[in-house]
Amino acid sequence: MKKLFCFSVILISSTVFSLTSTTKIKVGVSPVITSAGIFLAFENGYFKAEGLDVELVQMKSSGAQMTLLLSKGELDVGGGNLTAGLYKAIAEGLNFKIVADKGHIDENIDSVSLIIRKELITSGKYKSTKDLKGLKIALTSTDGSSQQIVMDQILKDAGLKSKDVEYVKLSYPESNVALKTKAIDGVIQLDPYLTMALTEGYAEEIIASNKVLKNQQSGALFYGPEFIKNKKAAAGFMKAYLKGVRLYNQGLTDKKIMADVTTVLKKHIEITDEKIWQSLRKVGLTNDGQLNSESMLSDIKWYNENGFLPTMPKTEQFLDLQFAEAATKELDQKNTKPAHKKK
């Protein structure tokens, strides 16, 4: 996190020099629809309005690599999947925090699903979830991730265990390529790559994650240990981020707004097929940034019981909602403030 000083000249009756301070930060972000809040805040100037010079660092996978960069201070903010590695780093004393929602599932959100190669279905090799046995399944992390928990529950419901499938670690884009080339049989996928695989016809949806887990906090926004100390910058980032999230959510019921949202997303997600953009599913992003802590604690318990997390952190070690709460209060006040009437 660096300080940049920008000099501007303003002409009134004489030449006046003013000095403004801009905080330069690096933000790790994945090319998925749940990153909409960050992309919209970036492209619409919301970060700049808060005095932040944001550099987006595109990351195909948001698991261990992002955790490592945050812990080293090479990223100030991260946004991605909640993993055992993240909680482990926090339990070991690295003081970065989970500060806001960046992707969840519930009964109305089905943007995370298990898909498998269509050929397995048409050939009759796959008829039910019991036939997952022996298949090669891709995950973005095989060392404990929210999507791994989804897959574990699917297998459990089918009377199978994790050892009954072969896990392969691949990023979201890589998984689709691997499906096409028959290098894998299935993947727990999310949008836009979920819609891409179904639209292009090389995979079929088996079951949405919200059918096996009623609620899951699958993604979040993280603040690095140094960035969170800069209260002004941390507050400003959250305010800008939630403005981006709210714009995305407005677009879900307003076609004109969604057209503008899609234009922004296209700049950061390399998908050119218009049919895919028109068929994207709604992703779960909360206007107030609130997280499902009950779901997070449930996942932490799963990581511990399955050997991915030796020490379970306490809630106060990993969760800090002060910035989301403050930003929500300010944004809500502005939205409800009556229009000024000229006398």
Protein backbone atom coordinates (compact mmCIF):
# COMPACT_ATOMS: atom_id res chain seq x y z
CA MET A 1 0.00 0.00 0.00
CA LYS A 2 1.68 3.17 -1.19
CA LYS A 3 0.89 6.87 -0.93
CA LEU A 4 0.82 8.86 -4.15
CA PHE A 5 0.72 12.65 -4.15
CA CYS A 6 -1.10 14.41 -6.95
CA PHE A 7 -0.71 18.14 -7.58
CA SER A 8 -3.53 20.01 -9.24
CA VAL A 9 -3.76 23.66 -10.27
CA ILE A 10 -7.02 25.53 -9.74
CA LEU A 11 -7.50 29.01 -11.21
CA ILE A 12 -9.73 31.34 -9.22
CA SER A 13 -8.53 34.95 -9.06
CA SER A 14 -4.96 33.77 -8.78
CA THR A 15 -3.07 30.49 -9.09
CA VAL A 16 -3.64 28.23 -6.09
CA PHE A 17 -1.94 24.88 -5.50
CA SER A 18 -3.76 22.09 -3.67
CA LEU A 19 -2.36 18.79 -2.48
CA THR A 20 -4.44 15.63 -2.37
CA SER A 21 -3.37 12.21 -1.14
CA THR A 22 -4.25 9.00 -2.95
CA THR A 23 -3.79 5.54 -1.49
CA LYS A 24 -2.51 3.00 -3.98
CA ILE A 25 -3.62 -0.58 -3.32
CA LYS A 26 -3.52 -3.98 -5.02
CA VAL A 27 -6.68 -6.07 -5.14
CA GLY A 28 -6.73 -9.77 -6.01
CA VAL A 29 -9.82 -10.74 -7.98
CA SER A 30 -11.07 -13.76 -9.92
CA PRO A 31 -12.72 -13.51 -13.38
CA VAL A 32 -16.15 -14.63 -12.15
CA ILE A 33 -19.55 -12.94 -11.78
CA THR A 34 -19.28 -12.79 -7.98
CA SER A 35 -16.50 -10.23 -8.58
CA ALA A 36 -19.09 -7.85 -10.07
CA GLY A 37 -18.98 -5.49 -7.08
CA ILE A 38 -15.24 -4.96 -7.49
CA PHE A 39 -15.34 -4.61 -11.29
CA LEU A 40 -18.23 -2.13 -11.17
CA ALA A 41 -16.60 -0.03 -8.44
CA PHE A 42 -13.39 0.04 -10.48
CA GLU A 43 -14.91 0.97 -13.86
CA ASN A 44 -17.45 3.47 -12.49
CA GLY A 45 -14.88 5.42 -10.52
CA TYR A 46 -16.24 4.53 -7.07
CA PHE A 47 -12.77 3.68 -5.76
CA LYS A 48 -11.27 6.88 -7.14
CA ALA A 49 -14.02 8.89 -5.47
CA GLU A 50 -12.82 7.47 -2.15
CA GLY A 51 -9.20 8.48 -2.83
CA LEU A 52 -8.10 4.98 -3.82
CA ASP A 53 -5.83 4.16 -6.75
CA VAL A 54 -6.75 0.50 -7.26
CA GLU A 55 -4.71 -1.99 -9.27
CA LEU A 56 -6.67 -5.15 -10.04
CA VAL A 57 -4.60 -8.34 -9.99
CA GLN A 58 -6.45 -11.01 -11.98
CA MET A 59 -6.17 -14.46 -10.42
CA LYS A 60 -7.54 -17.57 -12.12
CA SER A 61 -7.72 -19.31 -8.75
CA SER A 62 -8.55 -17.48 -5.52
CA GLY A 63 -7.44 -20.09 -3.00
CA ALA A 64 -3.93 -20.72 -1.68
CA GLN A 65 -2.21 -18.23 -3.98
CA MET A 66 -4.37 -15.33 -2.83
CA THR A 67 -3.92 -16.28 0.83
CA LEU A 68 -0.15 -16.34 0.38
CA LEU A 69 -0.04 -12.94 -1.34
CA LEU A 70 -2.26 -11.39 1.33
CA SER A 71 -0.08 -12.77 4.11
CA LYS A 72 3.06 -11.39 2.43
CA GLY A 73 1.50 -7.98 1.94
CA GLU A 74 1.71 -8.27 -1.85
CA LEU A 75 -2.06 -7.82 -1.95
CA ASP A 76 -3.98 -5.35 0.19
CA VAL A 77 -7.44 -6.73 -0.55
CA GLY A 78 -8.58 -10.09 -1.88
CA GLY A 79 -11.88 -11.49 -2.98
CA GLY A 80 -12.54 -15.16 -3.53
CA ASN A 81 -13.36 -18.59 -2.25
CA LEU A 82 -13.29 -19.39 1.46
CA THR A 83 -10.77 -22.17 2.06
CA ALA A 84 -9.21 -24.13 4.89
CA GLY A 85 -5.87 -22.50 4.01
CA LEU A 86 -7.32 -19.06 4.66
CA TYR A 87 -8.63 -20.04 8.10
CA LYS A 88 -5.38 -21.86 8.90
CA ALA A 89 -3.32 -18.75 8.15
CA ILE A 90 -5.58 -16.68 10.41
CA ALA A 91 -5.42 -19.28 13.20
CA GLU A 92 -1.62 -19.16 12.98
CA GLY A 93 -1.63 -15.43 13.66
CA LEU A 94 -1.77 -13.69 10.29
CA ASN A 95 -4.07 -10.79 10.98
CA PHE A 96 -6.01 -10.42 7.77
CA LYS A 97 -9.77 -10.42 8.11
CA ILE A 98 -12.89 -11.57 6.30
CA VAL A 99 -14.84 -8.34 5.97
CA ALA A 100 -17.79 -8.79 3.59
CA ASP A 101 -19.82 -11.15 1.47
CA LYS A 102 -18.56 -11.92 -2.02
CA GLY A 103 -20.69 -14.85 -3.03
CA HIS A 104 -23.16 -17.09 -1.26
CA ILE A 105 -25.81 -19.66 -2.12
CA ASP A 106 -29.32 -20.01 -0.77
CA GLU A 107 -32.64 -21.43 -1.94
CA ASN A 108 -32.86 -18.75 -4.66
CA ILE A 109 -29.22 -18.87 -5.81
CA ASP A 110 -28.16 -21.74 -8.06
CA SER A 111 -25.03 -20.31 -9.68
CA VAL A 112 -22.77 -23.09 -8.33
CA SER A 113 -23.40 -26.61 -9.62
CA LEU A 114 -21.90 -29.99 -10.32
CA ILE A 115 -21.69 -30.54 -14.06
CA ILE A 116 -20.33 -33.55 -15.96
CA ARG A 117 -19.40 -34.30 -19.55
CA LYS A 118 -22.51 -34.72 -21.70
CA GLU A 119 -21.02 -37.78 -23.36
CA LEU A 120 -21.15 -39.69 -20.07
CA ILE A 121 -24.91 -39.16 -19.97
CA THR A 122 -25.68 -39.86 -23.63
CA SER A 123 -23.59 -43.04 -23.53
CA GLY A 124 -25.49 -44.29 -20.48
CA LYS A 125 -22.35 -44.45 -18.33
CA TYR A 126 -23.90 -41.91 -15.99
CA LYS A 127 -27.51 -42.42 -14.84
CA SER A 128 -27.52 -41.19 -11.22
CA THR A 129 -25.20 -39.70 -8.62
CA LYS A 130 -24.16 -43.22 -7.64
CA ASP A 131 -22.38 -43.33 -10.99
CA LEU A 132 -20.00 -40.60 -9.84
CA LYS A 133 -17.86 -43.41 -8.43
CA GLY A 134 -14.57 -43.60 -10.30
CA LEU A 135 -15.01 -40.26 -12.08
CA LYS A 136 -12.38 -37.51 -12.22
CA ILE A 137 -13.76 -34.30 -10.68
CA ALA A 138 -12.11 -30.87 -10.78
CA LEU A 139 -12.07 -28.38 -7.88
CA THR A 140 -10.24 -25.07 -7.52
CA SER A 141 -8.77 -26.40 -4.28
CA THR A 142 -8.33 -29.98 -3.06
CA ASP A 143 -7.02 -28.94 0.36
CA GLY A 144 -10.33 -27.79 1.80
CA SER A 145 -12.70 -25.41 0.04
CA SER A 146 -16.39 -24.54 0.13
CA GLN A 147 -16.91 -26.31 -3.20
CA GLN A 148 -15.21 -29.41 -1.84
CA ILE A 149 -17.79 -29.45 0.94
CA VAL A 150 -20.56 -29.27 -1.68
CA MET A 151 -19.06 -32.23 -3.53
CA ASP A 152 -18.64 -34.18 -0.31
CA GLN A 153 -22.35 -33.73 0.49
CA ILE A 154 -23.36 -34.84 -3.02
CA LEU A 155 -21.29 -37.99 -2.61
CA LYS A 156 -22.64 -38.63 0.89
CA ASP A 157 -26.23 -38.35 -0.35
CA ALA A 158 -25.38 -40.92 -3.02
CA GLY A 159 -23.90 -43.32 -0.45
CA LEU A 160 -20.35 -42.57 -1.62
CA LYS A 161 -17.19 -41.15 -0.04
CA SER A 162 -14.55 -38.70 -1.21
CA LYS A 163 -12.16 -41.56 -1.93
CA ASP A 164 -14.67 -42.89 -4.48
CA VAL A 165 -13.79 -40.07 -6.91
CA GLU A 166 -10.48 -38.67 -8.15
CA TYR A 167 -10.02 -34.97 -7.45
CA VAL A 168 -8.03 -32.71 -9.77
CA LYS A 169 -7.05 -29.14 -8.95
CA LEU A 170 -7.94 -26.75 -11.79
CA SER A 171 -9.07 -23.13 -12.11
CA TYR A 172 -12.59 -22.34 -13.35
CA PRO A 173 -11.54 -21.63 -16.99
CA GLU A 174 -9.15 -24.61 -17.03
CA SER A 175 -11.93 -26.94 -15.91
CA ASN A 176 -14.07 -26.12 -18.95
CA VAL A 177 -11.14 -26.75 -21.27
CA ALA A 178 -10.51 -30.07 -19.49
CA LEU A 179 -14.17 -31.06 -19.94
CA LYS A 180 -13.93 -30.37 -23.67
CA THR A 181 -10.75 -32.42 -24.04
CA LYS A 182 -12.14 -35.21 -21.82
CA ALA A 183 -9.28 -34.76 -19.35
CA ILE A 184 -11.84 -34.66 -16.53
CA ASP A 185 -15.37 -35.99 -16.10
CA GLY A 186 -16.93 -33.23 -14.02
CA VAL A 187 -16.44 -30.09 -11.99
CA ILE A 188 -18.12 -28.00 -9.30
CA GLN A 189 -18.48 -24.92 -11.50
CA LEU A 190 -19.82 -21.38 -11.13
CA ASP A 191 -20.86 -18.59 -13.44
CA PRO A 192 -19.96 -17.53 -16.05
CA TYR A 193 -18.16 -20.83 -16.71
CA LEU A 194 -21.16 -22.87 -15.57
CA THR A 195 -23.40 -21.21 -18.15
CA MET A 196 -20.64 -21.45 -20.78
CA ALA A 197 -20.32 -25.23 -20.42
CA LEU A 198 -24.10 -25.74 -20.59
CA THR A 199 -24.64 -23.30 -23.47
CA GLU A 200 -21.83 -24.74 -25.58
CA GLY A 201 -23.24 -28.21 -25.01
CA TYR A 202 -20.29 -30.24 -23.76
CA ALA A 203 -21.61 -30.64 -20.19
CA GLU A 204 -24.88 -31.12 -18.35
CA GLU A 205 -25.93 -29.99 -14.92
CA ILE A 206 -26.26 -32.74 -12.35
CA ILE A 207 -27.25 -30.86 -9.23
CA ALA A 208 -27.08 -27.27 -7.98
CA SER A 209 -25.26 -26.67 -4.71
CA ASN A 210 -28.36 -25.13 -3.11
CA LYS A 211 -30.09 -28.51 -3.45
CA VAL A 212 -27.59 -30.20 -1.14
CA LEU A 213 -26.70 -27.28 1.15
CA LYS A 214 -29.51 -24.85 1.94
CA ASN A 215 -27.12 -22.00 2.65
CA GLN A 216 -23.38 -21.65 2.21
CA GLN A 217 -21.04 -18.69 2.46
CA SER A 218 -18.79 -19.69 -0.40
CA GLY A 219 -16.92 -16.44 -1.08
CA ALA A 220 -15.83 -13.33 0.77
CA LEU A 221 -13.84 -10.11 0.67
CA PHE A 222 -10.57 -10.09 2.63
CA TYR A 223 -8.50 -7.21 4.04
CA GLY A 224 -4.76 -7.67 4.48
CA PRO A 225 -3.16 -7.07 7.91
CA GLU A 226 -1.61 -3.71 6.96
CA PHE A 227 -4.51 -2.40 4.87
CA ILE A 228 -7.04 -2.93 7.65
CA LYS A 229 -5.01 -0.56 9.86
CA ASN A 230 -5.65 2.27 7.41
CA LYS A 231 -9.16 2.98 8.63
CA LYS A 232 -9.91 5.66 6.06
CA ALA A 233 -8.83 3.58 3.08
CA ALA A 234 -10.50 0.42 4.43
CA ALA A 235 -13.77 2.31 4.98
CA GLY A 236 -13.59 3.93 1.56
CA PHE A 237 -12.94 0.65 -0.21
CA MET A 238 -15.95 -0.97 1.46
CA LYS A 239 -18.22 1.93 0.57
CA ALA A 240 -17.15 1.77 -3.08
CA TYR A 241 -17.44 -2.03 -3.18
CA LEU A 242 -20.96 -2.08 -1.77
CA LYS A 243 -22.01 0.60 -4.27
CA GLY A 244 -20.83 -1.80 -6.98
CA VAL A 245 -22.71 -4.70 -5.41
CA ARG A 246 -25.90 -2.65 -5.19
CA LEU A 247 -25.61 -1.67 -8.83
CA TYR A 248 -25.32 -5.35 -9.81
CA ASN A 249 -28.36 -6.23 -7.70
CA GLN A 250 -30.35 -3.37 -9.23
CA GLY A 251 -29.53 -4.80 -12.63
CA LEU A 252 -31.26 -8.06 -11.73
CA THR A 253 -34.62 -6.28 -12.03
CA ASP A 254 -33.68 -3.56 -14.51
CA LYS A 255 -32.62 -4.59 -18.02
CA LYS A 256 -31.06 -1.23 -18.83
CA ILE A 257 -28.87 -1.31 -15.74
CA MET A 258 -27.94 -4.93 -16.39
CA ALA A 259 -26.87 -4.02 -19.93
CA ASP A 260 -24.44 -1.50 -18.44
CA VAL A 261 -23.31 -4.03 -15.82
CA THR A 262 -22.65 -6.61 -18.54
CA THR A 263 -20.59 -4.11 -20.54
CA VAL A 264 -18.33 -3.68 -17.52
CA LEU A 265 -18.06 -7.41 -16.80
CA LYS A 266 -17.04 -8.07 -20.40
CA LYS A 267 -13.93 -5.95 -19.84
CA HIS A 268 -12.71 -8.31 -17.13
CA ILE A 269 -14.11 -11.72 -18.10
CA GLU A 270 -12.93 -13.15 -21.41
CA ILE A 271 -16.19 -14.47 -22.83
CA THR A 272 -17.38 -13.23 -26.21
CA ASP A 273 -20.45 -15.38 -26.86
CA GLU A 274 -23.48 -13.14 -26.38
CA LYS A 275 -25.72 -16.16 -25.69
CA ILE A 276 -23.72 -16.88 -22.56
CA TRP A 277 -24.01 -13.32 -21.29
CA GLN A 278 -27.77 -13.39 -21.87
CA SER A 279 -28.16 -16.68 -19.94
CA LEU A 280 -26.11 -15.98 -16.82
CA ARG A 281 -27.61 -16.96 -13.49
CA LYS A 282 -28.09 -14.64 -10.54
CA VAL A 283 -25.19 -14.75 -8.10
CA GLY A 284 -25.57 -14.12 -4.39
CA LEU A 285 -24.21 -10.75 -3.27
CA THR A 286 -25.63 -8.90 -0.26
CA ASN A 287 -26.23 -5.14 -0.38
CA ASP A 288 -24.99 -4.75 3.20
CA GLY A 289 -21.99 -7.08 2.89
CA GLN A 290 -23.24 -9.29 5.71
CA LEU A 291 -21.88 -12.83 5.89
CA ASN A 292 -23.53 -16.07 6.98
CA SER A 293 -21.33 -16.73 10.02
CA GLU A 294 -23.25 -19.91 10.89
CA SER A 295 -22.35 -21.37 7.50
CA MET A 296 -18.73 -20.31 7.93
CA LEU A 297 -18.47 -22.02 11.32
CA SER A 298 -20.06 -25.16 9.87
CA ASP A 299 -17.48 -25.23 7.07
CA ILE A 300 -14.64 -24.62 9.54
CA LYS A 301 -15.83 -27.64 11.53
CA TRP A 302 -15.83 -29.73 8.33
CA TYR A 303 -12.27 -28.65 7.52
CA ASN A 304 -11.16 -29.62 11.01
CA GLU A 305 -12.90 -32.98 11.02
CA ASN A 306 -11.43 -33.86 7.62
CA GLY A 307 -7.86 -32.97 8.54
CA PHE A 308 -7.51 -29.74 6.54
CA LEU A 309 -7.54 -27.40 9.54
CA PRO A 310 -5.59 -28.49 12.68
CA THR A 311 -6.60 -25.46 14.75
CA MET A 312 -9.99 -23.78 14.45
CA PRO A 313 -9.90 -19.99 14.73
CA LYS A 314 -12.41 -18.13 16.87
CA THR A 315 -14.98 -15.95 15.13
CA GLU A 316 -13.35 -12.72 16.32
CA GLN A 317 -10.06 -13.86 14.78
CA PHE A 318 -11.34 -14.04 11.22
CA LEU A 319 -14.48 -11.87 11.05
CA ASP A 320 -14.58 -8.06 11.07
CA LEU A 321 -17.83 -6.48 9.88
CA GLN A 322 -17.24 -2.94 11.14
CA PHE A 323 -16.48 -1.58 7.67
CA ALA A 324 -19.49 -3.22 6.01
CA GLU A 325 -21.79 -1.99 8.76
CA ALA A 326 -20.48 1.58 8.59
CA ALA A 327 -20.62 1.69 4.79
CA THR A 328 -24.16 0.30 4.78
CA LYS A 329 -25.31 2.92 7.26
CA GLU A 330 -23.83 5.74 5.17
CA LEU A 331 -25.17 4.43 1.85
CA ASP A 332 -28.64 3.81 3.28
CA GLN A 333 -28.79 7.32 4.71
CA LYS A 334 -27.92 8.81 1.34
CA ASN A 335 -30.51 6.67 -0.44
CA THR A 336 -33.30 7.69 1.94
CA LYS A 337 -32.34 11.34 2.25
CA PRO A 338 -35.14 13.54 0.87
CA ALA A 339 -34.34 15.60 -2.19
CA HIS A 340 -33.27 19.18 -1.53
CA LYS A 341 -35.94 21.67 -2.45
CA LYS A 342 -34.95 25.07 -3.80
CA LYS A 343 -36.50 28.01 -2.03
